[in-house]
Amino acid sequence: MRVTVDDALTLREPGAGPVSAPPSGYTVEVTPYGTRVEGPGGGRLLLASPDAPADGPAPSPRPDPQDAGGWTAEAASAPGTPAHQVDVAIVDVGASPAAIGALRRAGVAATTTAVLAVGGDHRVHSPAEFDRRARLWGASAPFDGQEQWCPPSAWPPERAHGPHRVLVTGGARSGKSAEAETRLLGEPEVTYLATGPRPGGGEDDGDEGDRAWARRVALHRARRPSWWKTVESPDAAAALREARGAVLFDCVGTWLAGAMESCGLWQEPPPSGAEDELAARVDELVEAWRRCPAYLVAVTNEVGSGVVPATASGGLFRDWLGRVNQLLAAESEEVVLAAAGRVVELR
């Protein structure tokens, strides 16, 4: 990567200084968030580090502008603007798209900051897909050699804010969870709502199914940003009523399986009134989904296109999940289908 600033200096890597000494009027500072440049007009640019921290800098006394040892960019910053906030942030989203969320959480990237997404290569299957992801993160995707103003000449692209509901459906290993996570990587505050059973987690556990579930949960945890908060609860409706910021609900299918267990619907035959009890829980979930003020992305399973269940309870699960999916989709601003790692917009 190479970034040329005003034909005056060149940056090659975040976290490193310029190729040559900056000319008069420019200041360059290597920060934990990347390499920051301030020009003679006060514009602030950051070539972001892929591992930029999500925490803001510790408060410190503002330097004296007359002190040659002070950080000129901070001393010259406008009143009321945090000294570490920038006008333009260049982020290699091929290396770490989560850096966008980290910069926003740390206050380095604000509402008026133009985020430029770069780093499109074989890790993203097409330029159109790269542009789609950039829009989800509220970023622009400039082409190679394109000139950009700092401060930006136009308002940054708008990204989704709550209340906004997205339902991501797909079959097993379709990429649906990865798509849901990708959508929220640019958000500064994310709650991960896990409704599945707690994994045993030990390789010495006797049940291979438990071990496989534990490995799957661990994989999901490892690819999520460290600052995302996790809430584990089978009561999804209650969690959604309290939700703020952005929420990833993963997943509707495990929630339904747990609700069916509580209602006795995995028994054959189920107790009298069990389906009525489940219907009430579904209504409660849909109502909470409809009223949730957060930017909400939910993952669900598309189970009606595969093998016909061999048991009556399996058939009930398939039928009820199909109904729940339709009800949630009807209350969603967006519905997308994941298949073979690709995403198709249904609404």
Protein backbone atom coordinates (compact mmCIF):
# COMPACT_ATOMS: atom_id res chain seq x y z
CA MET A 1 0.00 0.00 0.00
CA ARG A 2 1.18 3.53 -0.74
CA VAL A 3 -0.59 6.74 0.29
CA THR A 4 0.66 10.06 -1.06
CA VAL A 5 -0.39 13.18 0.85
CA ASP A 6 -0.54 16.42 -1.18
CA ASP A 7 2.38 15.20 -3.32
CA ALA A 8 4.42 16.21 -0.28
CA LEU A 9 5.00 12.95 1.59
CA THR A 10 4.35 9.24 1.18
CA LEU A 11 3.18 6.65 3.68
CA ARG A 12 3.70 2.96 3.00
CA GLU A 13 2.65 1.10 6.14
CA PRO A 14 0.49 1.95 9.13
CA GLY A 15 2.49 2.35 12.29
CA ALA A 16 5.56 3.56 10.39
CA GLY A 17 6.76 7.04 9.58
CA PRO A 18 6.82 8.59 6.11
CA VAL A 19 9.29 7.43 3.47
CA SER A 20 11.14 10.74 3.83
CA ALA A 21 11.06 13.61 6.31
CA PRO A 22 7.79 15.59 6.12
CA PRO A 23 8.07 19.09 4.67
CA SER A 24 7.40 22.23 6.67
CA GLY A 25 3.82 22.57 7.82
CA TYR A 26 3.17 18.83 8.10
CA THR A 27 3.32 16.76 11.25
CA VAL A 28 3.52 12.97 11.29
CA GLU A 29 2.95 10.93 14.44
CA VAL A 30 3.03 7.17 14.92
CA THR A 31 0.18 6.34 17.34
CA PRO A 32 -1.32 3.08 18.63
CA TYR A 33 -4.07 3.59 16.02
CA GLY A 34 -1.70 3.98 13.07
CA THR A 35 0.24 6.75 11.36
CA ARG A 36 -1.40 10.14 11.68
CA VAL A 37 -0.68 13.14 9.48
CA GLU A 38 -1.84 16.73 9.93
CA GLY A 39 -1.47 19.16 7.05
CA PRO A 40 -0.91 22.92 7.03
CA GLY A 41 -4.68 23.52 6.85
CA GLY A 42 -5.40 21.39 9.92
CA GLY A 43 -6.78 18.33 8.09
CA ARG A 44 -6.07 15.10 9.96
CA LEU A 45 -5.48 11.79 8.20
CA LEU A 46 -4.86 8.37 9.72
CA LEU A 47 -3.38 5.34 7.98
CA ALA A 48 -4.93 2.88 10.40
CA SER A 49 -3.19 -0.07 11.99
CA PRO A 50 -5.02 -3.41 11.50
CA ASP A 51 -4.76 -4.03 15.24
CA ALA A 52 -5.84 -0.55 16.32
CA PRO A 53 -7.08 -0.70 19.94
CA ALA A 54 -10.74 -0.15 20.67
CA ASP A 55 -10.03 1.99 23.71
CA GLY A 56 -9.51 5.74 23.60
CA PRO A 57 -6.20 7.24 24.71
CA ALA A 58 -5.67 8.00 28.36
CA PRO A 59 -6.43 11.63 29.24
CA SER A 60 -3.35 13.82 29.31
CA PRO A 61 -2.65 17.56 29.55
CA ARG A 62 -2.92 19.32 26.21
CA PRO A 63 0.54 20.40 24.99
CA ASP A 64 1.51 24.02 24.68
CA PRO A 65 1.44 25.06 20.98
CA GLN A 66 4.62 27.04 21.63
CA ASP A 67 6.41 23.99 22.96
CA ALA A 68 8.46 22.52 20.13
CA GLY A 69 8.30 19.13 21.81
CA GLY A 70 4.48 19.08 21.88
CA TRP A 71 2.25 17.27 19.39
CA THR A 72 1.37 20.05 16.98
CA ALA A 73 -1.72 18.19 15.73
CA GLU A 74 -3.20 18.20 19.23
CA ALA A 75 -2.24 21.76 19.96
CA ALA A 76 -3.84 23.00 16.75
CA SER A 77 -7.04 20.95 17.05
CA ALA A 78 -10.34 22.79 17.05
CA PRO A 79 -12.03 23.45 20.41
CA GLY A 80 -14.44 20.70 21.37
CA THR A 81 -12.84 18.16 19.02
CA PRO A 82 -10.95 15.28 20.69
CA ALA A 83 -7.26 15.59 19.98
CA HIS A 84 -7.08 12.03 18.60
CA GLN A 85 -10.09 12.38 16.23
CA VAL A 86 -9.29 12.44 12.51
CA ASP A 87 -11.02 13.68 9.36
CA VAL A 88 -10.07 10.72 7.16
CA ALA A 89 -9.18 7.16 8.22
CA ILE A 90 -7.70 4.77 5.68
CA VAL A 91 -8.33 1.16 6.73
CA ASP A 92 -7.03 -2.03 5.11
CA VAL A 93 -10.25 -3.99 5.48
CA GLY A 94 -8.71 -6.98 3.75
CA ALA A 95 -6.41 -7.32 6.75
CA SER A 96 -8.86 -6.27 9.48
CA PRO A 97 -12.31 -4.79 8.80
CA ALA A 98 -12.90 -4.78 12.57
CA ALA A 99 -10.41 -1.90 12.76
CA ILE A 100 -13.27 0.38 11.62
CA GLY A 101 -15.34 -0.53 14.67
CA ALA A 102 -12.29 -0.18 16.90
CA LEU A 103 -11.55 3.33 15.63
CA ARG A 104 -15.16 4.39 16.16
CA ARG A 105 -15.24 2.91 19.63
CA ALA A 106 -12.00 4.69 20.53
CA GLY A 107 -13.34 8.03 19.24
CA VAL A 108 -10.68 8.26 16.53
CA ALA A 109 -13.34 7.99 13.82
CA ALA A 110 -16.43 10.11 14.49
CA THR A 111 -19.67 10.75 12.62
CA THR A 112 -17.96 13.21 10.28
CA THR A 113 -14.89 11.04 9.69
CA ALA A 114 -14.58 9.67 6.16
CA VAL A 115 -13.53 6.01 6.36
CA LEU A 116 -11.78 4.79 3.22
CA ALA A 117 -11.82 1.01 2.79
CA VAL A 118 -8.80 -0.32 0.89
CA GLY A 119 -7.13 -3.72 0.53
CA GLY A 120 -9.48 -5.43 -1.89
CA ASP A 121 -7.82 -8.60 -3.21
CA HIS A 122 -8.42 -12.36 -3.45
CA ARG A 123 -9.82 -12.36 0.09
CA VAL A 124 -13.00 -10.75 -1.30
CA HIS A 125 -14.46 -12.51 -4.33
CA SER A 126 -15.39 -9.47 -6.45
CA PRO A 127 -15.16 -5.66 -6.55
CA ALA A 128 -18.95 -5.51 -6.21
CA GLU A 129 -18.78 -7.54 -2.99
CA PHE A 130 -16.02 -5.27 -1.67
CA ASP A 131 -18.18 -2.22 -2.35
CA ARG A 132 -21.17 -3.88 -0.65
CA ARG A 133 -19.19 -4.56 2.52
CA ALA A 134 -17.76 -1.03 2.56
CA ARG A 135 -21.29 0.40 2.42
CA LEU A 136 -22.36 -1.82 5.32
CA TRP A 137 -19.53 -0.33 7.37
CA GLY A 138 -20.32 3.27 6.37
CA ALA A 139 -17.10 3.46 4.35
CA SER A 140 -16.13 4.46 0.83
CA ALA A 141 -14.12 2.20 -1.45
CA PRO A 142 -11.87 4.43 -3.59
CA PHE A 143 -10.15 3.02 -6.66
CA ASP A 144 -6.38 2.93 -6.98
CA GLY A 145 -4.98 6.38 -7.62
CA GLN A 146 -8.20 8.21 -6.72
CA GLU A 147 -7.71 11.59 -5.02
CA GLN A 148 -9.48 12.26 -1.73
CA TRP A 149 -9.90 15.50 0.19
CA CYS A 150 -8.96 15.88 3.85
CA PRO A 151 -11.18 17.07 5.45
CA PRO A 152 -13.61 15.26 3.12
CA SER A 153 -15.55 17.27 0.56
CA ALA A 154 -18.76 15.24 1.08
CA TRP A 155 -20.60 13.72 4.02
CA PRO A 156 -19.45 10.13 4.72
CA PRO A 157 -21.72 7.30 3.48
CA GLU A 158 -24.59 6.54 5.83
CA ARG A 159 -24.70 3.15 7.51
CA ALA A 160 -27.62 1.44 9.21
CA HIS A 161 -28.66 2.61 12.68
CA GLY A 162 -31.38 1.33 14.97
CA PRO A 163 -34.16 0.70 14.82
CA HIS A 164 -33.16 -1.45 11.87
CA ARG A 165 -33.75 -5.20 11.60
CA VAL A 166 -31.89 -7.65 9.33
CA LEU A 167 -32.72 -11.36 9.05
CA VAL A 168 -29.94 -13.57 7.64
CA THR A 169 -31.09 -17.05 6.67
CA GLY A 170 -29.31 -20.00 5.12
CA GLY A 171 -28.54 -23.68 5.43
CA ALA A 172 -25.80 -25.37 7.43
CA ARG A 173 -22.29 -24.03 6.64
CA SER A 174 -23.78 -21.54 4.19
CA GLY A 175 -21.86 -18.56 5.59
CA LYS A 176 -24.86 -17.01 7.32
CA SER A 177 -23.14 -16.37 10.68
CA ALA A 178 -20.07 -14.94 8.95
CA GLU A 179 -22.33 -12.59 6.95
CA ALA A 180 -24.11 -11.42 10.11
CA GLU A 181 -20.80 -10.80 11.87
CA THR A 182 -19.38 -8.99 8.83
CA ARG A 183 -22.29 -6.56 8.83
CA LEU A 184 -21.49 -5.37 12.35
CA LEU A 185 -17.68 -5.08 12.18
CA GLY A 186 -17.90 -1.33 11.69
CA GLU A 187 -20.01 -0.78 14.82
CA PRO A 188 -18.49 0.55 18.05
CA GLU A 189 -20.96 -1.16 20.42
CA VAL A 190 -22.10 -4.73 19.68
CA THR A 191 -23.88 -7.24 21.89
CA TYR A 192 -23.73 -10.87 20.81
CA LEU A 193 -26.92 -12.62 21.93
CA ALA A 194 -26.23 -16.36 22.17
CA THR A 195 -29.34 -18.46 22.66
CA GLY A 196 -27.83 -21.92 22.26
CA PRO A 197 -26.82 -24.32 25.04
CA ARG A 198 -23.59 -23.70 26.90
CA PRO A 199 -20.88 -25.99 25.52
CA GLY A 200 -19.18 -28.46 27.81
CA GLY A 201 -15.95 -27.41 26.15
CA GLY A 202 -13.68 -30.19 27.35
CA GLU A 203 -11.95 -32.55 24.94
CA ASP A 204 -12.27 -35.20 27.64
CA ASP A 205 -16.08 -35.00 27.60
CA GLY A 206 -17.56 -38.31 26.62
CA ASP A 207 -20.10 -36.99 24.13
CA GLU A 208 -18.67 -36.26 20.68
CA GLY A 209 -21.65 -34.01 19.94
CA ASP A 210 -20.79 -31.84 22.96
CA ARG A 211 -17.16 -31.62 21.87
CA ALA A 212 -18.14 -30.63 18.33
CA TRP A 213 -20.51 -27.95 19.66
CA ALA A 214 -17.78 -26.61 21.96
CA ARG A 215 -15.34 -26.38 19.03
CA ARG A 216 -17.93 -24.57 16.92
CA VAL A 217 -18.69 -22.04 19.68
CA ALA A 218 -14.97 -21.46 20.25
CA LEU A 219 -14.47 -20.79 16.54
CA HIS A 220 -17.26 -18.20 16.54
CA ARG A 221 -15.83 -16.51 19.64
CA ALA A 222 -12.32 -16.35 18.18
CA ARG A 223 -13.39 -14.47 15.06
CA ARG A 224 -15.43 -11.85 16.93
CA PRO A 225 -13.78 -8.58 18.00
CA SER A 226 -12.61 -8.64 21.60
CA TRP A 227 -14.76 -5.67 22.65
CA TRP A 228 -18.07 -7.27 21.63
CA LYS A 229 -20.15 -8.09 24.68
CA THR A 230 -21.70 -11.55 24.92
CA VAL A 231 -25.08 -12.22 26.51
CA GLU A 232 -26.04 -15.88 26.91
CA SER A 233 -29.76 -16.28 27.49
CA PRO A 234 -32.59 -18.46 26.22
CA ASP A 235 -34.96 -15.53 26.82
CA ALA A 236 -34.30 -13.70 23.56
CA ALA A 237 -37.40 -11.50 23.89
CA ALA A 238 -36.23 -10.08 27.23
CA ALA A 239 -32.74 -9.44 25.84
CA LEU A 240 -34.13 -7.62 22.80
CA ARG A 241 -36.30 -5.41 24.98
CA GLU A 242 -33.14 -4.22 26.77
CA ALA A 243 -30.96 -4.00 23.65
CA ARG A 244 -29.19 -0.83 22.54
CA GLY A 245 -26.48 -0.10 19.98
CA ALA A 246 -26.04 -3.09 17.67
CA VAL A 247 -27.07 -6.68 18.42
CA LEU A 248 -26.19 -9.98 16.74
CA PHE A 249 -28.82 -12.61 17.61
CA ASP A 250 -27.38 -16.06 16.85
CA CYS A 251 -29.55 -17.86 16.31
CA VAL A 252 -33.31 -18.16 15.93
CA GLY A 253 -33.07 -21.90 15.37
CA THR A 254 -31.32 -22.62 18.67
CA TRP A 255 -33.76 -20.31 20.44
CA LEU A 256 -36.68 -22.27 18.98
CA ALA A 257 -35.11 -25.62 19.91
CA GLY A 258 -34.78 -24.43 23.52
CA ALA A 259 -38.33 -23.06 23.58
CA MET A 260 -39.66 -26.37 22.27
CA GLU A 261 -37.73 -28.19 25.00
CA SER A 262 -39.27 -25.96 27.67
CA CYS A 263 -42.75 -26.55 26.26
CA GLY A 264 -42.27 -30.33 26.03
CA LEU A 265 -42.55 -30.43 22.26
CA TRP A 266 -39.58 -32.76 21.81
CA GLN A 267 -41.57 -35.43 23.62
CA GLU A 268 -43.60 -37.82 21.51
CA PRO A 269 -46.44 -37.30 21.97
CA PRO A 270 -46.09 -33.75 23.39
CA PRO A 271 -48.23 -32.70 26.39
CA SER A 272 -51.58 -31.07 25.84
CA GLY A 273 -51.37 -27.33 25.19
CA ALA A 274 -47.65 -27.42 24.35
CA GLU A 275 -48.05 -25.82 20.92
CA ASP A 276 -50.25 -23.07 22.36
CA GLU A 277 -47.52 -22.30 24.88
CA LEU A 278 -44.92 -22.20 22.11
CA ALA A 279 -47.14 -19.95 20.00
CA ALA A 280 -47.29 -17.46 22.88
CA ARG A 281 -43.50 -17.46 23.14
CA VAL A 282 -43.18 -16.89 19.41
CA ASP A 283 -45.60 -13.96 19.61
CA GLU A 284 -43.53 -12.50 22.45
CA LEU A 285 -40.33 -12.81 20.40
CA VAL A 286 -41.84 -11.22 17.30
CA GLU A 287 -43.23 -8.33 19.37
CA ALA A 288 -39.78 -7.72 20.93
CA TRP A 289 -38.19 -7.91 17.46
CA ARG A 290 -40.68 -5.38 16.12
CA ARG A 291 -40.11 -2.90 18.95
CA CYS A 292 -36.35 -3.34 19.38
CA PRO A 293 -34.63 0.08 19.09
CA ALA A 294 -31.23 -1.40 18.20
CA TYR A 295 -29.52 -2.16 14.91
CA LEU A 296 -30.44 -5.84 15.03
CA VAL A 297 -29.03 -8.64 12.88
CA ALA A 298 -30.40 -12.14 13.45
CA VAL A 299 -29.22 -15.46 12.07
CA THR A 300 -31.71 -18.21 11.34
CA ASN A 301 -31.76 -21.60 9.63
CA GLU A 302 -33.38 -22.41 6.32
CA VAL A 303 -34.58 -25.93 7.10
CA GLY A 304 -37.40 -26.47 4.62
CA SER A 305 -35.27 -27.37 1.60
CA GLY A 306 -33.54 -30.49 2.89
CA VAL A 307 -34.35 -33.97 4.10
CA VAL A 308 -37.85 -34.56 5.48
CA PRO A 309 -37.49 -35.05 9.27
CA ALA A 310 -37.79 -38.67 10.37
CA THR A 311 -39.63 -37.86 13.62
CA ALA A 312 -42.80 -35.99 14.49
CA SER A 313 -40.89 -33.59 16.75
CA GLY A 314 -38.40 -32.92 13.96
CA GLY A 315 -41.28 -32.08 11.66
CA LEU A 316 -42.71 -29.71 14.27
CA PHE A 317 -39.34 -27.94 14.54
CA ARG A 318 -39.12 -27.52 10.78
CA ASP A 319 -42.67 -26.21 10.49
CA TRP A 320 -42.41 -23.84 13.44
CA LEU A 321 -39.07 -22.44 12.33
CA GLY A 322 -40.53 -21.77 8.90
CA ARG A 323 -43.38 -19.83 10.54
CA VAL A 324 -41.05 -17.88 12.83
CA ASN A 325 -38.81 -16.97 9.90
CA GLN A 326 -41.78 -15.61 7.97
CA LEU A 327 -43.01 -13.59 10.93
CA LEU A 328 -39.57 -12.05 11.59
CA ALA A 329 -39.01 -11.39 7.88
CA ALA A 330 -42.29 -9.50 7.70
CA GLU A 331 -41.01 -7.16 10.43
CA SER A 332 -37.52 -6.68 8.93
CA GLU A 333 -36.06 -3.90 6.81
CA GLU A 334 -33.69 -6.40 5.19
CA VAL A 335 -33.77 -10.15 4.57
CA VAL A 336 -30.81 -11.93 2.97
CA LEU A 337 -30.09 -15.53 2.01
CA ALA A 338 -26.60 -16.99 2.42
CA ALA A 339 -25.63 -19.92 0.20
CA ALA A 340 -22.14 -21.26 -0.55
CA GLY A 341 -20.59 -18.20 1.06
CA ARG A 342 -22.50 -15.81 -1.20
CA VAL A 343 -25.34 -13.48 -0.20
CA VAL A 344 -28.58 -12.83 -2.06
CA GLU A 345 -30.81 -9.96 -1.00
CA LEU A 346 -34.43 -11.07 -0.63
CA ARG A 347 -35.78 -7.77 0.62
